[in-house]
């Protein structure tokens, strides 16, 4: 059996792993679930208008309502968050169109594109976008651009902004911080817990695990992927794991860039551990990778 208590958190200090484990991350200004309004977000008057759903919870730009405009831009209040933070969007593109996220630094005449999506989906998707630390206040801009024709729209269900890197995760949230499971019909990563993680915290916590008892074929692989990084970052990748397995199985951590190139980062030196074991690995990501 291979059991990993992943609090897979690329951090600058190990203490943050312990502090974040088992606790909900506090939402920062600029977060909105659109239940009671738009939280200070407004449509840029130079473009089309984002519209709240009659029942709330969703804000949408629909091609049928754009008239002559090609896009609608949703502008956040001015944010003054000097530490590194992460924007998590729950969004959906229906039919055809795109959604882009820009940063507009205060006093700057240029909007910096941080992220874009143009794939239609019949369900809600989660995007994670890193916002680098800055001493300059800024605004977040969300540009929805549905294609011309009926049935095309771009919708946002939720905007969460939290402190830290987007690939930090304690697996306590229902969305798993944007991590994705490369689905295998037999062997996959699952959420485990809630059990006491003795070496980390006296309180119960969740973790990700994979068990070879379900494997049916030789060399089956369970792969858990982080969100793709969106800005250059460097630091220490820290995680706790618990491993109990026979020889012949492989547990490893590697990176993959947008072109599909892989690079090994770490492999354990032992096949089993007595408990949760801390690993720290230097990581440099000058280009987008997961």
Protein backbone atom coordinates (compact mmCIF):
# COMPACT_ATOMS: atom_id res chain seq x y z
CA UNK A 1 0.00 0.00 0.00
CA UNK A 2 1.17 3.49 -0.75
CA UNK A 3 -0.31 6.11 1.57
CA UNK A 4 0.57 9.74 1.23
CA UNK A 5 -0.56 12.34 3.70
CA UNK A 6 -0.07 15.10 1.24
CA UNK A 7 -0.26 18.56 2.56
CA UNK A 8 1.51 19.36 -0.66
CA UNK A 9 2.56 22.91 0.06
CA UNK A 10 5.33 24.79 -1.70
CA UNK A 11 6.26 27.18 1.05
CA UNK A 12 9.03 29.46 2.14
CA UNK A 13 8.85 28.08 5.70
CA UNK A 14 7.91 24.63 6.98
CA UNK A 15 5.90 26.11 9.84
CA UNK A 16 3.20 27.20 7.42
CA UNK A 17 2.44 23.58 6.66
CA UNK A 18 1.58 23.00 10.29
CA UNK A 19 -0.29 26.24 10.67
CA UNK A 20 -2.46 25.64 7.62
CA UNK A 21 -3.19 22.00 8.30
CA UNK A 22 -6.75 21.31 9.35
CA UNK A 23 -7.84 24.95 9.18
CA UNK A 24 -9.90 26.90 6.71
CA UNK A 25 -7.92 29.57 4.91
CA UNK A 26 -9.15 33.06 5.64
CA UNK A 27 -10.59 34.84 2.62
CA UNK A 28 -8.96 38.13 1.67
CA UNK A 29 -10.63 41.30 0.34
CA UNK A 30 -11.71 40.82 -3.25
CA UNK A 31 -13.34 37.46 -2.51
CA UNK A 32 -16.99 37.11 -3.52
CA UNK A 33 -19.62 34.37 -3.79
CA UNK A 34 -22.22 36.73 -5.29
CA UNK A 35 -24.86 35.72 -2.75
CA UNK A 36 -25.61 39.22 -1.47
CA UNK A 37 -24.35 41.28 -4.38
CA UNK A 38 -21.14 41.87 -6.27
CA UNK A 39 -18.89 42.71 -3.27
CA UNK A 40 -17.74 45.97 -4.85
CA UNK A 41 -17.06 44.49 -8.28
CA UNK A 42 -18.42 46.66 -11.10
CA UNK A 43 -18.67 46.39 -14.88
CA UNK A 44 -16.31 48.68 -16.77
CA UNK A 45 -18.69 51.17 -18.47
CA UNK A 46 -16.58 51.17 -21.64
CA UNK A 47 -17.64 47.58 -22.33
CA UNK A 48 -20.66 45.34 -21.91
CA UNK A 49 -22.30 44.52 -18.59
CA UNK A 50 -21.97 41.53 -16.30
CA UNK A 51 -25.42 40.51 -14.99
CA UNK A 52 -26.37 38.84 -11.73
CA UNK A 53 -28.53 35.74 -11.96
CA UNK A 54 -32.06 36.40 -10.67
CA UNK A 55 -31.50 33.86 -7.90
CA UNK A 56 -28.03 35.18 -7.11
CA UNK A 57 -24.81 33.16 -6.76
CA UNK A 58 -23.78 33.64 -10.42
CA UNK A 59 -22.65 36.63 -12.47
CA UNK A 60 -22.78 36.22 -16.25
CA UNK A 61 -22.01 37.90 -19.55
CA UNK A 62 -24.23 36.59 -22.35
CA UNK A 63 -23.66 37.16 -26.06
CA UNK A 64 -27.36 37.99 -26.49
CA UNK A 65 -27.01 41.00 -24.16
CA UNK A 66 -23.73 42.44 -25.44
CA UNK A 67 -25.24 44.30 -28.41
CA UNK A 68 -22.33 45.99 -30.24
CA UNK A 69 -19.72 45.18 -27.60
CA UNK A 70 -17.50 42.13 -27.87
CA UNK A 71 -16.68 41.69 -24.18
CA UNK A 72 -17.57 42.71 -20.64
CA UNK A 73 -14.95 43.57 -18.02
CA UNK A 74 -15.59 43.01 -14.30
CA UNK A 75 -13.40 45.26 -12.13
CA UNK A 76 -12.61 44.56 -8.47
CA UNK A 77 -12.30 47.17 -5.72
CA UNK A 78 -8.76 48.46 -5.16
CA UNK A 79 -6.85 45.74 -3.28
CA UNK A 80 -3.85 46.42 -1.07
CA UNK A 81 -2.43 42.95 -0.40
CA UNK A 82 1.34 43.08 -0.16
CA UNK A 83 1.89 39.37 0.44
CA UNK A 84 1.77 36.68 -2.22
CA UNK A 85 -1.83 35.52 -2.73
CA UNK A 86 -3.88 33.14 -4.83
CA UNK A 87 -7.10 33.79 -6.74
CA UNK A 88 -9.36 30.77 -7.17
CA UNK A 89 -12.16 31.15 -9.71
CA UNK A 90 -15.13 28.86 -10.15
CA UNK A 91 -16.29 29.58 -13.70
CA UNK A 92 -18.00 28.16 -16.76
CA UNK A 93 -17.80 28.94 -20.47
CA UNK A 94 -20.91 27.80 -22.36
CA UNK A 95 -20.92 27.47 -26.13
CA UNK A 96 -17.86 29.43 -27.19
CA UNK A 97 -15.87 32.24 -25.66
CA UNK A 98 -13.04 33.10 -23.29
CA UNK A 99 -12.37 34.37 -19.78
CA UNK A 100 -9.21 36.28 -18.90
CA UNK A 101 -7.82 37.66 -15.65
CA UNK A 102 -5.74 40.85 -15.64
CA UNK A 103 -3.96 42.86 -12.95
CA UNK A 104 -4.17 46.65 -13.06
CA UNK A 105 -1.56 48.23 -10.72
CA UNK A 106 -2.59 51.57 -9.25
CA UNK A 107 -1.25 54.41 -11.38
CA UNK A 108 -0.22 52.07 -14.21
CA UNK A 109 -1.60 52.52 -17.72
CA UNK A 110 -1.16 48.85 -18.60
CA UNK A 111 -3.23 45.81 -17.64
CA UNK A 112 -1.16 42.65 -17.13
CA UNK A 113 -2.74 39.41 -18.29
CA UNK A 114 -2.24 36.67 -15.70
CA UNK A 115 -4.48 33.87 -16.98
CA UNK A 116 -6.82 32.90 -19.81
CA UNK A 117 -9.31 30.11 -20.52
CA UNK A 118 -11.18 29.40 -23.74
CA UNK A 119 -12.47 25.85 -23.38
CA UNK A 120 -16.23 25.39 -23.14
CA UNK A 121 -17.54 23.08 -20.42
CA UNK A 122 -20.87 21.64 -19.33
CA UNK A 123 -19.87 21.95 -15.66
CA UNK A 124 -18.14 24.41 -13.33
CA UNK A 125 -14.34 24.52 -13.51
CA UNK A 126 -11.76 25.79 -11.01
CA UNK A 127 -8.83 28.01 -11.96
CA UNK A 128 -5.98 29.02 -9.66
CA UNK A 129 -3.99 32.17 -10.42
CA UNK A 130 -0.98 33.38 -8.40
CA UNK A 131 -0.77 37.09 -7.56
CA UNK A 132 2.84 38.08 -6.74
CA UNK A 133 3.65 40.16 -3.69
CA UNK A 134 3.54 43.89 -4.40
CA UNK A 135 3.74 47.15 -2.49
CA UNK A 136 1.47 48.80 -5.08
CA UNK A 137 -2.33 48.55 -4.70
CA UNK A 138 -4.04 46.95 -7.69
CA UNK A 139 -7.34 45.84 -9.16
CA UNK A 140 -8.31 42.46 -10.58
CA UNK A 141 -10.05 42.56 -13.98
CA UNK A 142 -12.06 39.66 -15.38
CA UNK A 143 -12.78 39.91 -19.09
CA UNK A 144 -15.59 37.71 -20.39
CA UNK A 145 -15.76 37.43 -24.17
CA UNK A 146 -18.52 35.10 -25.40
CA UNK A 147 -18.58 34.36 -29.11
CA UNK A 148 -21.25 35.90 -31.29
CA UNK A 149 -24.47 33.93 -31.68
CA UNK A 150 -27.05 32.49 -29.34
CA UNK A 151 -26.20 30.16 -26.48
CA UNK A 152 -22.74 31.58 -25.74
CA UNK A 153 -21.95 32.89 -22.26
CA UNK A 154 -19.27 33.22 -19.60
CA UNK A 155 -20.25 32.84 -15.95
CA UNK A 156 -18.45 33.19 -12.60
CA UNK A 157 -19.79 31.43 -9.53
CA UNK A 158 -17.16 32.32 -6.96
CA UNK A 159 -13.97 34.33 -6.49
CA UNK A 160 -11.78 33.37 -3.54
CA UNK A 161 -8.53 35.14 -2.72
CA UNK A 162 -6.32 33.55 -0.06
CA UNK A 163 -2.81 34.15 1.26
CA UNK A 164 0.00 32.01 -0.14
CA UNK A 165 0.87 30.16 -3.33
CA UNK A 166 -1.84 28.45 -5.35
CA UNK A 167 -0.15 25.07 -5.06
CA UNK A 168 -0.32 25.14 -1.27
CA UNK A 169 -3.01 22.76 -0.06
CA UNK A 170 -4.10 21.04 3.15
CA UNK A 171 -6.90 19.13 1.36
CA UNK A 172 -9.51 20.45 3.78
CA UNK A 173 -11.44 22.30 1.05
CA UNK A 174 -14.00 20.59 -1.17
CA UNK A 175 -12.24 21.82 -4.33
CA UNK A 176 -8.79 20.42 -3.35
CA UNK A 177 -7.17 23.78 -4.20
CA UNK A 178 -7.42 23.05 -7.90
CA UNK A 179 -5.46 19.77 -7.76
CA UNK A 180 -6.66 17.24 -10.32
CA UNK A 181 -6.66 13.47 -10.41
CA UNK A 182 -5.58 11.87 -13.68
CA UNK A 183 -8.35 9.32 -13.69
CA UNK A 184 -7.49 5.63 -13.82
CA UNK A 185 -10.34 3.06 -13.68
CA UNK A 186 -8.51 1.09 -10.99
CA UNK A 187 -5.96 3.17 -9.08
CA UNK A 188 -6.56 6.79 -8.07
CA UNK A 189 -5.83 9.34 -5.34
CA UNK A 190 -8.64 9.78 -2.83
CA UNK A 191 -9.33 12.07 0.11
CA UNK A 192 -8.72 10.28 3.41
CA UNK A 193 -9.53 11.24 7.01
CA UNK A 194 -10.49 12.74 9.17
CA UNK A 195 -7.84 11.19 11.46
CA UNK A 196 -5.33 12.67 13.93
CA UNK A 197 -2.07 13.53 12.19
CA UNK A 198 0.05 13.02 15.27
CA UNK A 199 3.28 14.59 14.08
CA UNK A 200 1.52 17.61 12.59
CA UNK A 201 -1.45 18.58 14.73
CA UNK A 202 -3.54 17.22 17.63
CA UNK A 203 -6.68 17.92 15.59
CA UNK A 204 -8.07 15.63 12.88
CA UNK A 205 -7.16 16.43 9.30
CA UNK A 206 -7.57 15.18 5.75
CA UNK A 207 -4.97 13.80 3.36
CA UNK A 208 -4.70 12.22 -0.09
CA UNK A 209 -3.98 8.51 -0.40
CA UNK A 210 -3.64 5.79 -3.02
CA UNK A 211 -3.85 2.04 -2.35
CA UNK A 212 -2.48 -0.66 -4.65
CA UNK A 213 -5.10 -3.15 -3.46
CA UNK A 214 -7.24 -1.95 -6.37
CA UNK A 215 -4.53 -2.37 -9.01
CA UNK A 216 -5.37 -4.94 -11.68
CA UNK A 217 -2.52 -4.50 -14.14
CA UNK A 218 1.25 -4.15 -14.00
CA UNK A 219 2.60 -0.59 -13.87
CA UNK A 220 -0.69 1.16 -13.15
CA UNK A 221 -0.18 4.81 -12.21
CA UNK A 222 -2.12 7.18 -9.95
CA UNK A 223 -1.19 10.78 -10.68
CA UNK A 224 -2.16 13.85 -8.63
CA UNK A 225 -1.41 17.16 -10.39
CA UNK A 226 -1.20 20.64 -8.91
CA UNK A 227 -2.60 23.72 -10.66
CA UNK A 228 -0.29 25.07 -13.35
CA UNK A 229 1.82 27.93 -11.97
CA UNK A 230 1.08 31.27 -13.60
CA UNK A 231 4.03 33.41 -12.47
CA UNK A 232 7.72 32.65 -11.75
CA UNK A 233 8.28 31.33 -8.24
CA UNK A 234 11.05 29.75 -6.21
CA UNK A 235 11.14 28.32 -2.72
CA UNK A 236 10.87 25.08 -0.80
CA UNK A 237 8.37 22.36 -1.65
CA UNK A 238 7.39 20.81 1.71
CA UNK A 239 5.04 17.91 2.33
CA UNK A 240 4.41 15.08 4.77
CA UNK A 241 3.94 11.52 3.56
CA UNK A 242 3.29 8.08 5.04
CA UNK A 243 4.35 5.05 3.03
CA UNK A 244 3.71 1.34 3.58
CA UNK A 245 4.38 -0.82 0.56
CA UNK A 246 6.20 -3.77 -0.93
CA UNK A 247 9.31 -3.36 -3.04
CA UNK A 248 8.73 -2.73 -6.71
CA UNK A 249 6.28 0.13 -6.34
CA UNK A 250 7.35 3.70 -7.07
CA UNK A 251 6.43 6.92 -5.30
CA UNK A 252 7.90 10.09 -6.79
CA UNK A 253 7.44 13.83 -7.18
CA UNK A 254 8.16 15.47 -10.52
CA UNK A 255 7.32 18.60 -12.50
CA UNK A 256 5.72 18.89 -15.93
CA UNK A 257 5.77 22.04 -18.06
CA UNK A 258 3.25 23.22 -20.65
CA UNK A 259 5.09 21.35 -23.41
CA UNK A 260 4.79 18.08 -21.50
CA UNK A 261 8.44 17.83 -20.41
CA UNK A 262 8.97 15.97 -17.13
CA UNK A 263 11.68 16.48 -14.54
CA UNK A 264 12.19 14.32 -11.44
CA UNK A 265 12.35 16.25 -8.16
CA UNK A 266 12.37 13.63 -5.43
CA UNK A 267 12.04 9.92 -4.67
CA UNK A 268 12.06 8.32 -1.21
CA UNK A 269 15.04 6.32 -0.03
CA UNK A 270 12.93 3.85 1.97
CA UNK A 271 9.93 1.70 1.03
CA UNK A 272 8.07 2.24 4.30
CA UNK A 273 7.91 4.88 7.02
CA UNK A 274 7.03 4.58 10.71
CA UNK A 275 4.77 7.63 10.54
CA UNK A 276 4.32 10.93 8.80
CA UNK A 277 7.67 12.03 7.35
CA UNK A 278 8.57 15.58 6.37
CA UNK A 279 10.21 16.20 3.00
CA UNK A 280 11.59 19.54 1.79
CA UNK A 281 12.79 20.01 -1.78
CA UNK A 282 14.05 23.18 -3.47
CA UNK A 283 11.83 24.21 -6.35
CA UNK A 284 12.37 26.80 -9.08
CA UNK A 285 9.63 27.54 -11.57
CA UNK A 286 10.73 30.33 -13.94
CA UNK A 287 8.11 29.11 -16.43
CA UNK A 288 4.60 27.65 -15.95
CA UNK A 289 4.63 24.10 -14.63
CA UNK A 290 2.65 21.72 -12.45
